[in-house]
C-alpha atoms as a PDB file:
ATOM      1  CA  MET A   1     115.796 125.381 105.941  1.00  0.00           C
ATOM      2  CA  SER A   2     113.856 121.857 107.326  1.00  0.00           C
ATOM      3  CA  TYR A   3     116.003 118.532 107.262  1.00  0.00           C
ATOM      4  CA  GLY A   4     112.443 117.532 106.047  1.00  0.00           C
ATOM      5  CA  SER A   5     110.203 117.313 103.191  1.00  0.00           C
ATOM      6  CA  HIS A   6     111.870 120.635 102.030  1.00  0.00           C
ATOM      7  CA  ALA A   7     115.156 119.804 102.263  1.00  0.00           C
ATOM      8  CA  TYR A   8     114.981 118.223  98.946  1.00  0.00           C
ATOM      9  CA  ILE A   9     113.467 118.308  95.606  1.00  0.00           C
ATOM     10  CA  PRO A  10     110.667 115.539  94.775  1.00  0.00           C
ATOM     11  CA  ASP A  11     111.479 113.104  91.564  1.00  0.00           C
ATOM     12  CA  PRO A  12     108.381 111.694  89.485  1.00  0.00           C
ATOM     13  CA  ARG A  13     111.294 108.942  88.678  1.00  0.00           C
ATOM     14  CA  ASN A  14     110.549 107.590  92.010  1.00  0.00           C
ATOM     15  CA  GLU A  15     107.299 105.706  91.468  1.00  0.00           C
ATOM     16  CA  GLY A  16     109.216 103.656  88.973  1.00  0.00           C
ATOM     17  CA  VAL A  17     112.250 102.885  90.296  1.00  0.00           C
ATOM     18  CA  LEU A  18     113.200  99.286  91.335  1.00  0.00           C
ATOM     19  CA  PHE A  19     114.058  98.547  94.688  1.00  0.00           C
ATOM     20  CA  ASN A  20     115.919  95.012  96.063  1.00  0.00           C
ATOM     21  CA  VAL A  21     115.356  93.108  98.564  1.00  0.00           C
ATOM     22  CA  ASN A  22     117.315  89.719  99.481  1.00  0.00           C
ATOM     23  CA  GLY A  23     118.827  90.287  95.530  1.00  0.00           C
ATOM     24  CA  GLN A  24     115.486  90.321  94.137  1.00  0.00           C
ATOM     25  CA  LEU A  25     114.436  93.460  91.994  1.00  0.00           C
ATOM     26  CA  LEU A  26     111.198  94.925  92.417  1.00  0.00           C
ATOM     27  CA  PRO A  27     108.705  97.603  91.892  1.00  0.00           C
ATOM     28  CA  ARG A  28     108.742 100.212  94.927  1.00  0.00           C
ATOM     29  CA  ASP A  29     105.225  99.185  96.075  1.00  0.00           C
ATOM     30  CA  LYS A  30     105.937  95.846  95.527  1.00  0.00           C
ATOM     31  CA  ALA A  31     109.799  95.926  97.743  1.00  0.00           C
ATOM     32  CA  VAL A  32     108.162  94.644 101.143  1.00  0.00           C
ATOM     33  CA  VAL A  33     109.161  92.811 103.834  1.00  0.00           C
ATOM     34  CA  ASN A  34     107.576  89.744 106.404  1.00  0.00           C
ATOM     35  CA  VAL A  35     105.775  91.160 109.343  1.00  0.00           C
ATOM     36  CA  PHE A  36     108.156  88.603 111.386  1.00  0.00           C
ATOM     37  CA  ASP A  37     111.663  90.472 109.610  1.00  0.00           C
ATOM     38  CA  SER A  38     113.548  91.374 112.559  1.00  0.00           C
ATOM     39  CA  GLY A  39     114.032  95.026 111.723  1.00  0.00           C
ATOM     40  CA  PHE A  40     110.650  95.217 111.386  1.00  0.00           C
ATOM     41  CA  MET A  41     109.144  93.512 114.523  1.00  0.00           C
ATOM     42  CA  LEU A  42     112.046  94.994 116.614  1.00  0.00           C
ATOM     43  CA  GLY A  43     114.638  97.110 114.705  1.00  0.00           C
ATOM     44  CA  ASP A  44     117.387  94.384 114.878  1.00  0.00           C
ATOM     45  CA  GLY A  45     119.347  95.336 112.165  1.00  0.00           C
ATOM     46  CA  VAL A  46     121.902  98.398 111.219  1.00  0.00           C
ATOM     47  CA  TRP A  47     121.779 100.366 108.151  1.00  0.00           C
ATOM     48  CA  GLU A  48     123.961 103.468 105.399  1.00  0.00           C
ATOM     49  CA  GLY A  49     122.861 106.255 103.631  1.00  0.00           C
ATOM     50  CA  LEU A  50     124.784 106.335 100.635  1.00  0.00           C
ATOM     51  CA  ARG A  51     124.769 108.756  97.636  1.00  0.00           C
ATOM     52  CA  VAL A  52     125.720 108.596  93.783  1.00  0.00           C
ATOM     53  CA  HIS A  53     127.899 111.298  92.182  1.00  0.00           C
ATOM     54  CA  GLY A  54     128.832 110.075  88.708  1.00  0.00           C
ATOM     55  CA  GLY A  55     127.613 106.615  88.275  1.00  0.00           C
ATOM     56  CA  LYS A  56     129.917 106.109  91.847  1.00  0.00           C
ATOM     57  CA  ILE A  57     128.729 105.747  95.076  1.00  0.00           C
ATOM     58  CA  ALA A  58     131.126 108.139  97.295  1.00  0.00           C
ATOM     59  CA  PHE A  59     133.272 106.556 100.191  1.00  0.00           C
ATOM     60  CA  LEU A  60     131.294 103.284 100.015  1.00  0.00           C
ATOM     61  CA  LYS A  61     134.300 101.312 101.529  1.00  0.00           C
ATOM     62  CA  ASP A  62     134.189 103.656 104.638  1.00  0.00           C
ATOM     63  CA  HIS A  63     130.032 103.014 104.507  1.00  0.00           C
ATOM     64  CA  LEU A  64     130.605  99.174 104.180  1.00  0.00           C
ATOM     65  CA  ASP A  65     133.160  98.863 107.185  1.00  0.00           C
ATOM     66  CA  ARG A  66     130.938 100.577 109.423  1.00  0.00           C
ATOM     67  CA  LEU A  67     128.211  98.165 108.151  1.00  0.00           C
ATOM     68  CA  TRP A  68     130.663  95.724 108.979  1.00  0.00           C
ATOM     69  CA  GLU A  69     131.086  96.886 112.378  1.00  0.00           C
ATOM     70  CA  GLY A  70     128.027  96.965 113.474  1.00  0.00           C
ATOM     71  CA  ALA A  71     126.886  93.808 112.044  1.00  0.00           C
ATOM     72  CA  ALA A  72     129.620  92.398 114.275  1.00  0.00           C
ATOM     73  CA  ALA A  73     128.533  93.811 117.290  1.00  0.00           C
ATOM     74  CA  LEU A  74     124.928  92.822 116.853  1.00  0.00           C
ATOM     75  CA  ASP A  75     126.436  89.080 116.110  1.00  0.00           C
ATOM     76  CA  ILE A  76     124.125  89.008 112.510  1.00  0.00           C
ATOM     77  CA  ASP A  77     126.218  86.776 109.717  1.00  0.00           C
ATOM     78  CA  ILE A  78     125.710  89.475 106.872  1.00  0.00           C
ATOM     79  CA  GLY A  79     126.169  86.017 104.118  1.00  0.00           C
ATOM     80  CA  LEU A  80     127.523  88.234 101.628  1.00  0.00           C
ATOM     81  CA  SER A  81     131.151  89.742 101.281  1.00  0.00           C
ATOM     82  CA  GLN A  82     132.004  93.479 100.901  1.00  0.00           C
ATOM     83  CA  GLU A  83     132.911  92.249  97.002  1.00  0.00           C
ATOM     84  CA  GLN A  84     129.254  91.001  96.666  1.00  0.00           C
ATOM     85  CA  LEU A  85     127.519  93.278  97.888  1.00  0.00           C
ATOM     86  CA  THR A  86     129.172  95.997  96.330  1.00  0.00           C
ATOM     87  CA  GLY A  87     127.644  94.540  93.322  1.00  0.00           C
ATOM     88  CA  ARG A  88     124.226  93.713  94.693  1.00  0.00           C
ATOM     89  CA  LEU A  89     124.258  97.889  95.047  1.00  0.00           C
ATOM     90  CA  TYR A  90     125.340  98.786  91.587  1.00  0.00           C
ATOM     91  CA  GLU A  91     123.254  96.001  89.523  1.00  0.00           C
ATOM     92  CA  THR A  92     120.645  98.040  91.353  1.00  0.00           C
ATOM     93  CA  LEU A  93     121.779 101.213  89.736  1.00  0.00           C
ATOM     94  CA  SER A  94     122.306  99.666  86.352  1.00  0.00           C
ATOM     95  CA  ALA A  95     118.478  98.890  86.441  1.00  0.00           C
ATOM     96  CA  ASN A  96     117.334 101.958  87.095  1.00  0.00           C
ATOM     97  CA  ASP A  97     119.839 103.729  85.104  1.00  0.00           C
ATOM     98  CA  MET A  98     120.929 105.584  88.127  1.00  0.00           C
ATOM     99  CA  THR A  99     124.315 108.135  88.215  1.00  0.00           C
ATOM    100  CA  GLU A 100     123.490 111.038  89.660  1.00  0.00           C
ATOM    101  CA  ASP A 101     121.580 112.665  92.676  1.00  0.00           C
ATOM    102  CA  VAL A 102     120.717 109.044  93.833  1.00  0.00           C
ATOM    103  CA  HIS A 103     120.003 108.452  97.390  1.00  0.00           C
ATOM    104  CA  ILE A 104     120.441 105.220  98.676  1.00  0.00           C
ATOM    105  CA  ARG A 105     119.097 103.699 102.065  1.00  0.00           C
ATOM    106  CA  LEU A 106     121.306 100.320 102.222  1.00  0.00           C
ATOM    107  CA  MET A 107     119.198  98.115 104.965  1.00  0.00           C
ATOM    108  CA  LEU A 108     120.444  95.120 106.806  1.00  0.00           C
ATOM    109  CA  THR A 109     118.288  92.888 109.403  1.00  0.00           C
ATOM    110  CA  ARG A 110     118.833  89.713 111.173  1.00  0.00           C
ATOM    111  CA  GLY A 111     116.480  87.941 109.605  1.00  0.00           C
ATOM    112  CA  LEU A 112     113.242  86.221 110.030  1.00  0.00           C
ATOM    113  CA  ARG A 113     111.904  85.061 113.082  1.00  0.00           C
ATOM    114  CA  SER A 114     109.834  82.070 113.311  1.00  0.00           C
ATOM    115  CA  THR A 115     107.477  83.734 116.325  1.00  0.00           C
ATOM    116  CA  PRO A 116     107.583  87.953 118.076  1.00  0.00           C
ATOM    117  CA  TYR A 117     110.267  87.218 120.186  1.00  0.00           C
ATOM    118  CA  GLN A 118     114.078  88.889 121.592  1.00  0.00           C
ATOM    119  CA  ASP A 119     115.936  85.717 121.747  1.00  0.00           C
ATOM    120  CA  PRO A 120     118.038  85.684 118.159  1.00  0.00           C
ATOM    121  CA  ARG A 121     118.159  81.971 118.459  1.00  0.00           C
ATOM    122  CA  VAL A 122     114.164  82.231 116.354  1.00  0.00           C
ATOM    123  CA  VAL A 123     115.792  83.143 113.724  1.00  0.00           C
ATOM    124  CA  ILE A 124     114.919  80.967 110.785  1.00  0.00           C
ATOM    125  CA  SER A 125     116.170  82.881 107.895  1.00  0.00           C
ATOM    126  CA  GLY A 126     119.439  84.626 106.640  1.00  0.00           C
ATOM    127  CA  SER A 127     119.970  88.112 106.753  1.00  0.00           C
ATOM    128  CA  THR A 128     117.557  90.593 104.976  1.00  0.00           C
ATOM    129  CA  ILE A 129     119.585  93.014 102.990  1.00  0.00           C
ATOM    130  CA  VAL A 130     117.749  95.686 100.999  1.00  0.00           C
ATOM    131  CA  ILE A 131     118.760  98.032  98.703  1.00  0.00           C
ATOM    132  CA  ALA A 132     116.291 101.415  98.459  1.00  0.00           C
ATOM    133  CA  PRO A 133     117.472 103.261  95.994  1.00  0.00           C
ATOM    134  CA  GLU A 134     115.802 106.978  94.973  1.00  0.00           C
ATOM    135  CA  PHE A 135     116.380 110.229  92.939  1.00  0.00           C
ATOM    136  CA  LYS A 136     116.933 112.346  95.401  1.00  0.00           C
ATOM    137  CA  LYS A 137     118.309 115.926  95.146  1.00  0.00           C
ATOM    138  CA  ALA A 138     119.105 117.959  98.033  1.00  0.00           C
ATOM    139  CA  ASN A 139     117.517 121.240  98.010  1.00  0.00           C
ATOM    140  CA  PRO A 140     120.593 124.105  97.053  1.00  0.00           C
ATOM    141  CA  LYS A 141     119.181 126.557  99.247  1.00  0.00           C
ATOM    142  CA  THR A 142     120.446 123.801 102.375  1.00  0.00           C
ATOM    143  CA  ALA A 143     123.958 124.976 101.427  1.00  0.00           C
ATOM    144  CA  GLU A 144     122.736 128.579 102.258  1.00  0.00           C
ATOM    145  CA  ASN A 145     120.165 129.036 104.315  1.00  0.00           C
ATOM    146  CA  ALA A 146     120.980 128.603 107.972  1.00  0.00           C
ATOM    147  CA  LEU A 147     119.067 125.789 109.914  1.00  0.00           C
ATOM    148  CA  SER A 148     117.520 126.564 113.156  1.00  0.00           C
ATOM    149  CA  LEU A 149     118.153 123.616 116.259  1.00  0.00           C
ATOM    150  CA  TYR A 150     116.895 123.326 119.171  1.00  0.00           C
ATOM    151  CA  THR A 151     118.509 121.725 122.309  1.00  0.00           C
ATOM    152  CA  VAL A 152     116.202 118.607 123.124  1.00  0.00           C
ATOM    153  CA  SER A 153     115.738 116.747 126.798  1.00  0.00           C
ATOM    154  CA  VAL A 154     116.760 113.585 125.050  1.00  0.00           C
ATOM    155  CA  ARG A 155     120.257 112.709 126.115  1.00  0.00           C
ATOM    156  CA  ARG A 156     122.593 110.638 123.855  1.00  0.00           C
ATOM    157  CA  GLY A 157     123.497 107.393 125.952  1.00  0.00           C
ATOM    158  CA  ARG A 158     126.535 105.952 127.392  1.00  0.00           C
ATOM    159  CA  ALA A 159     127.894 103.024 125.329  1.00  0.00           C
ATOM    160  CA  ASP A 160     126.949 100.167 128.282  1.00  0.00           C
ATOM    161  CA  VAL A 161     123.163 101.189 127.644  1.00  0.00           C
ATOM    162  CA  GLN A 162     122.699 101.412 124.291  1.00  0.00           C
ATOM    163  CA  ASP A 163     126.016 102.174 122.100  1.00  0.00           C
ATOM    164  CA  PRO A 164     125.532 105.410 120.290  1.00  0.00           C
ATOM    165  CA  GLY A 165     128.143 104.520 117.424  1.00  0.00           C
ATOM    166  CA  LEU A 166     125.735 101.738 116.170  1.00  0.00           C
ATOM    167  CA  ASN A 167     123.872 102.699 113.258  1.00  0.00           C
ATOM    168  CA  SER A 168     120.713  99.868 114.277  1.00  0.00           C
ATOM    169  CA  HIS A 169     117.241 100.336 112.732  1.00  0.00           C
ATOM    170  CA  SER A 170     116.648 101.493 116.847  1.00  0.00           C
ATOM    171  CA  LYS A 171     116.177 105.143 116.222  1.00  0.00           C
ATOM    172  CA  ILE A 172     113.688 105.808 118.674  1.00  0.00           C
ATOM    173  CA  ASN A 173     115.867 107.846 121.112  1.00  0.00           C
ATOM    174  CA  CYS A 174     116.696 110.262 117.802  1.00  0.00           C
ATOM    175  CA  ILE A 175     112.871 109.992 116.512  1.00  0.00           C
ATOM    176  CA  THR A 176     111.508 111.424 119.553  1.00  0.00           C
ATOM    177  CA  ALA A 177     114.704 114.129 119.772  1.00  0.00           C
ATOM    178  CA  CYS A 178     113.615 114.748 116.621  1.00  0.00           C
ATOM    179  CA  ILE A 179     109.739 115.494 117.417  1.00  0.00           C
ATOM    180  CA  GLN A 180     110.182 117.618 120.154  1.00  0.00           C
ATOM    181  CA  ALA A 181     112.253 119.735 117.882  1.00  0.00           C
ATOM    182  CA  ILE A 182     109.805 119.906 115.015  1.00  0.00           C
ATOM    183  CA  LYS A 183     106.980 121.014 118.277  1.00  0.00           C
ATOM    184  CA  ALA A 184     109.528 123.948 119.118  1.00  0.00           C
ATOM    185  CA  GLY A 185     109.827 125.007 115.820  1.00  0.00           C
ATOM    186  CA  ALA A 186     113.211 124.080 114.794  1.00  0.00           C
ATOM    187  CA  ASP A 187     114.649 122.087 111.838  1.00  0.00           C
ATOM    188  CA  GLU A 188     116.772 119.672 114.176  1.00  0.00           C
ATOM    189  CA  GLY A 189     117.265 118.426 117.846  1.00  0.00           C
ATOM    190  CA  LEU A 190     120.880 119.014 119.279  1.00  0.00           C
ATOM    191  CA  MET A 191     121.241 116.241 121.295  1.00  0.00           C
ATOM    192  CA  LEU A 192     123.604 116.397 124.872  1.00  0.00           C
ATOM    193  CA  ASP A 193     125.436 113.974 126.597  1.00  0.00           C
ATOM    194  CA  PRO A 194     124.779 111.939 129.536  1.00  0.00           C
ATOM    195  CA  GLN A 195     127.714 114.608 131.089  1.00  0.00           C
ATOM    196  CA  GLY A 196     125.419 117.573 129.822  1.00  0.00           C
ATOM    197  CA  PHE A 197     128.195 118.792 126.798  1.00  0.00           C
ATOM    198  CA  VAL A 198     126.967 118.439 123.318  1.00  0.00           C
ATOM    199  CA  ALA A 199     127.277 115.407 121.602  1.00  0.00           C
ATOM    200  CA  THR A 200     125.211 115.185 118.291  1.00  0.00           C
ATOM    201  CA  CYS A 201     121.500 116.442 116.345  1.00  0.00           C
ATOM    202  CA  ASN A 202     119.067 113.793 116.063  1.00  0.00           C
ATOM    203  CA  SER A 203     120.532 113.014 112.075  1.00  0.00           C
ATOM    204  CA  THR A 204     123.672 114.572 111.418  1.00  0.00           C
ATOM    205  CA  HIS A 205     126.930 115.528 113.551  1.00  0.00           C
ATOM    206  CA  PHE A 206     127.678 119.051 114.907  1.00  0.00           C
ATOM    207  CA  PHE A 207     130.384 121.732 114.578  1.00  0.00           C
ATOM    208  CA  ILE A 208     130.878 125.314 115.479  1.00  0.00           C
ATOM    209  CA  VAL A 209     133.105 127.610 114.704  1.00  0.00           C
ATOM    210  CA  ARG A 210     135.470 130.113 116.827  1.00  0.00           C
ATOM    211  CA  GLY A 211     138.681 131.941 116.237  1.00  0.00           C
ATOM    212  CA  GLY A 212     138.924 130.504 113.352  1.00  0.00           C
ATOM    213  CA  GLU A 213     138.581 126.858 114.825  1.00  0.00           C
ATOM    214  CA  VAL A 214     136.752 124.248 114.179  1.00  0.00           C
ATOM    215  CA  TRP A 215     135.088 122.422 117.255  1.00  0.00           C
ATOM    216  CA  THR A 216     133.326 119.298 117.019  1.00  0.00           C
ATOM    217  CA  SER A 217     132.237 116.902 120.088  1.00  0.00           C
ATOM    218  CA  SER A 218     134.609 114.106 121.447  1.00  0.00           C
ATOM    219  CA  GLY A 219     133.035 111.609 118.964  1.00  0.00           C
ATOM    220  CA  ASP A 220     131.917 109.483 122.170  1.00  0.00           C
ATOM    221  CA  TYR A 221     128.333 109.849 122.036  1.00  0.00           C
ATOM    222  CA  CYS A 222     127.799 109.378 118.460  1.00  0.00           C
ATOM    223  CA  LEU A 223     127.593 107.669 115.415  1.00  0.00           C
ATOM    224  CA  GLY A 224     131.281 107.377 113.764  1.00  0.00           C
ATOM    225  CA  GLY A 225     129.623 109.738 110.931  1.00  0.00           C
ATOM    226  CA  ILE A 226     131.514 109.469 107.225  1.00  0.00           C
ATOM    227  CA  THR A 227     131.136 112.547 106.420  1.00  0.00           C
ATOM    228  CA  ARG A 228     132.167 114.072 109.754  1.00  0.00           C
ATOM    229  CA  ARG A 229     135.616 112.092 109.760  1.00  0.00           C
ATOM    230  CA  LYS A 230     135.902 114.024 106.278  1.00  0.00           C
ATOM    231  CA  ILE A 231     135.421 117.106 107.286  1.00  0.00           C
ATOM    232  CA  ILE A 232     137.801 116.744 109.856  1.00  0.00           C
ATOM    233  CA  ASP A 233     140.925 115.221 107.715  1.00  0.00           C
ATOM    234  CA  LEU A 234     140.126 117.664 105.679  1.00  0.00           C
ATOM    235  CA  CYS A 235     140.646 120.494 108.302  1.00  0.00           C
ATOM    236  CA  LYS A 236     143.900 119.217 109.022  1.00  0.00           C
ATOM    237  CA  ALA A 237     144.777 118.971 105.446  1.00  0.00           C
ATOM    238  CA  ASN A 238     144.270 122.435 104.431  1.00  0.00           C
ATOM    239  CA  ASN A 239     145.930 124.257 107.757  1.00  0.00           C
ATOM    240  CA  ILE A 240     142.878 124.742 109.919  1.00  0.00           C
ATOM    241  CA  PRO A 241     142.867 124.083 113.448  1.00  0.00           C
ATOM    242  CA  VAL A 242     140.363 121.479 114.582  1.00  0.00           C
ATOM    243  CA  PHE A 243     139.911 119.729 118.092  1.00  0.00           C
ATOM    244  CA  GLU A 244     137.595 116.880 119.047  1.00  0.00           C
ATOM    245  CA  LYS A 245     136.556 118.112 122.465  1.00  0.00           C
ATOM    246  CA  ASN A 246     133.413 118.240 125.438  1.00  0.00           C
ATOM    247  CA  PHE A 247     132.013 122.020 125.401  1.00  0.00           C
ATOM    248  CA  SER A 248     128.926 123.322 127.049  1.00  0.00           C
ATOM    249  CA  LEU A 249     126.076 124.692 124.802  1.00  0.00           C
ATOM    250  CA  MET A 250     128.016 128.170 126.421  1.00  0.00           C
ATOM    251  CA  LYS A 251     130.027 127.980 124.179  1.00  0.00           C
ATOM    252  CA  CYS A 252     127.671 126.921 120.806  1.00  0.00           C
ATOM    253  CA  TYR A 253     125.669 130.120 121.972  1.00  0.00           C
ATOM    254  CA  SER A 254     128.903 132.664 121.394  1.00  0.00           C
ATOM    255  CA  ALA A 255     130.238 131.081 118.291  1.00  0.00           C
ATOM    256  CA  ASP A 256     131.202 132.430 115.049  1.00  0.00           C
ATOM    257  CA  GLU A 257     129.604 130.506 113.339  1.00  0.00           C
ATOM    258  CA  ALA A 258     127.877 126.755 113.114  1.00  0.00           C
ATOM    259  CA  PHE A 259     127.209 123.961 110.995  1.00  0.00           C
ATOM    260  CA  THR A 260     125.729 120.220 110.180  1.00  0.00           C
ATOM    261  CA  THR A 261     127.184 117.656 108.349  1.00  0.00           C
ATOM    262  CA  GLY A 262     125.805 114.248 106.790  1.00  0.00           C
ATOM    263  CA  THR A 263     125.791 111.773 103.936  1.00  0.00           C
ATOM    264  CA  PHE A 264     122.644 113.627 102.306  1.00  0.00           C
ATOM    265  CA  ALA A 265     123.088 117.736 102.458  1.00  0.00           C
ATOM    266  CA  GLY A 266     126.768 117.245 103.105  1.00  0.00           C
ATOM    267  CA  LEU A 267     127.518 120.563 105.166  1.00  0.00           C
ATOM    268  CA  ALA A 268     124.651 122.701 106.201  1.00  0.00           C
ATOM    269  CA  PRO A 269     124.743 125.999 107.757  1.00  0.00           C
ATOM    270  CA  VAL A 270     123.311 126.832 111.295  1.00  0.00           C
ATOM    271  CA  GLY A 271     121.928 130.110 112.206  1.00  0.00           C
ATOM    272  CA  GLU A 272     120.261 129.594 115.596  1.00  0.00           C
ATOM    273  CA  ILE A 273     120.036 128.023 118.628  1.00  0.00           C
ATOM    274  CA  ASP A 274     117.341 127.596 121.119  1.00  0.00           C
ATOM    275  CA  GLY A 275     116.019 130.704 119.549  1.00  0.00           C
ATOM    276  CA  ARG A 276     119.729 132.626 120.107  1.00  0.00           C
ATOM    277  CA  LYS A 277     121.355 134.006 116.760  1.00  0.00           C
ATOM    278  CA  VAL A 278     124.985 132.166 115.945  1.00  0.00           C
ATOM    279  CA  GLY A 279     127.258 134.680 114.460  1.00  0.00           C
ATOM    280  CA  LEU A 280     125.453 136.607 111.802  1.00  0.00           C
ATOM    281  CA  GLY A 281     123.049 134.115 111.519  1.00  0.00           C
ATOM    282  CA  LYS A 282     123.734 132.980 108.808  1.00  0.00           C
ATOM    283  CA  ARG A 283     126.536 130.839 106.381  1.00  0.00           C
ATOM    284  CA  GLY A 284     129.636 131.989 107.484  1.00  0.00           C
ATOM    285  CA  PRO A 285     133.263 132.090 104.920  1.00  0.00           C
ATOM    286  CA  MET A 286     134.486 129.017 107.462  1.00  0.00           C
ATOM    287  CA  VAL A 287     131.126 126.848 106.591  1.00  0.00           C
ATOM    288  CA  GLU A 288     131.339 128.110 103.085  1.00  0.00           C
ATOM    289  CA  ARG A 289     135.215 126.784 102.114  1.00  0.00           C
ATOM    290  CA  LEU A 290     134.418 123.804 104.010  1.00  0.00           C
ATOM    291  CA  GLN A 291     131.657 123.343 101.530  1.00  0.00           C
ATOM    292  CA  GLY A 292     134.276 123.893  98.424  1.00  0.00           C
ATOM    293  CA  LEU A 293     136.591 121.657 100.081  1.00  0.00           C
ATOM    294  CA  TYR A 294     134.516 119.120 100.733  1.00  0.00           C
ATOM    295  CA  LEU A 295     132.676 118.912  96.942  1.00  0.00           C
ATOM    296  CA  ASP A 296     136.168 118.789  95.826  1.00  0.00           C
ATOM    297  CA  LEU A 297     136.773 115.933  97.857  1.00  0.00           C
ATOM    298  CA  ILE A 298     133.814 114.178  96.318  1.00  0.00           C
ATOM    299  CA  HIS A 299     134.879 114.997  92.716  1.00  0.00           C
ATOM    300  CA  ARG A 300     138.117 113.754  93.654  1.00  0.00           C
ATOM    301  CA  GLU A 301     137.019 110.499  95.029  1.00  0.00           C
ATOM    302  CA  VAL A 302     134.394 109.367  91.968  1.00  0.00           C
ATOM    303  CA  SER A 303     136.629 110.235  89.872  1.00  0.00           C
ATOM    304  CA  ALA A 304     139.733 107.736  90.991  1.00  0.00           C
END
């Protein structure tokens, strides 16, 4: 089951959804930014993907903290407090009567430039903040049907080149990885780090299960995933051995199970890597157990 257009159920209500551009609610087809916007021109900004359950944005504080951390790293003045941005998010949801099966793309850029130039001193406005909500329900089959991964040649870089922990608008390395995986007939690209160890997927995080243990990468070469961290914490809370460590592709090919994590689809089983069947090639008992624990966590979060 691909993470592409078949990974979610299209909803015709999205045609009438209002987007929020710098505090102004606009119809979806009128929600635009200037061609001199830093995000459009240079990919100069950071973003977050958010999910709405029961009228609440799940793990919002975690996402806002990561957004603020990215803005600080890029020296971007957001211009709002976390409380003010939270208010803007919920105002947008309220205007669209959105309470369930909603995905929000929250985008922050440095603002308008006076000319096409990298130097941030040519910026002539405050930051641009776009809230793009959609009715977007993950296809239920994504939780059951196993994904296929392909190990791409595109590597996750070191922090002294472009910090992979920065959730920036500049995602060209992930896009090229995704293209390579698609051309190979896979759903996602599995990316290695500069030393050849498994790092992450092009748009999700990656885990394997071996002998009742859950393994994921050291985290040195991937985004600090919110869902990734919740799964690690759930393992610890439920006496499931979990390790953040370096491991090679060889350990993936012989794993009992494998899965990916992400804000939109949660946990998705992996059944094939580079044409090799992983385990039984379908969702295994550990993935099914962790899916249940994660759904319980979301329910507790939004009902708190």
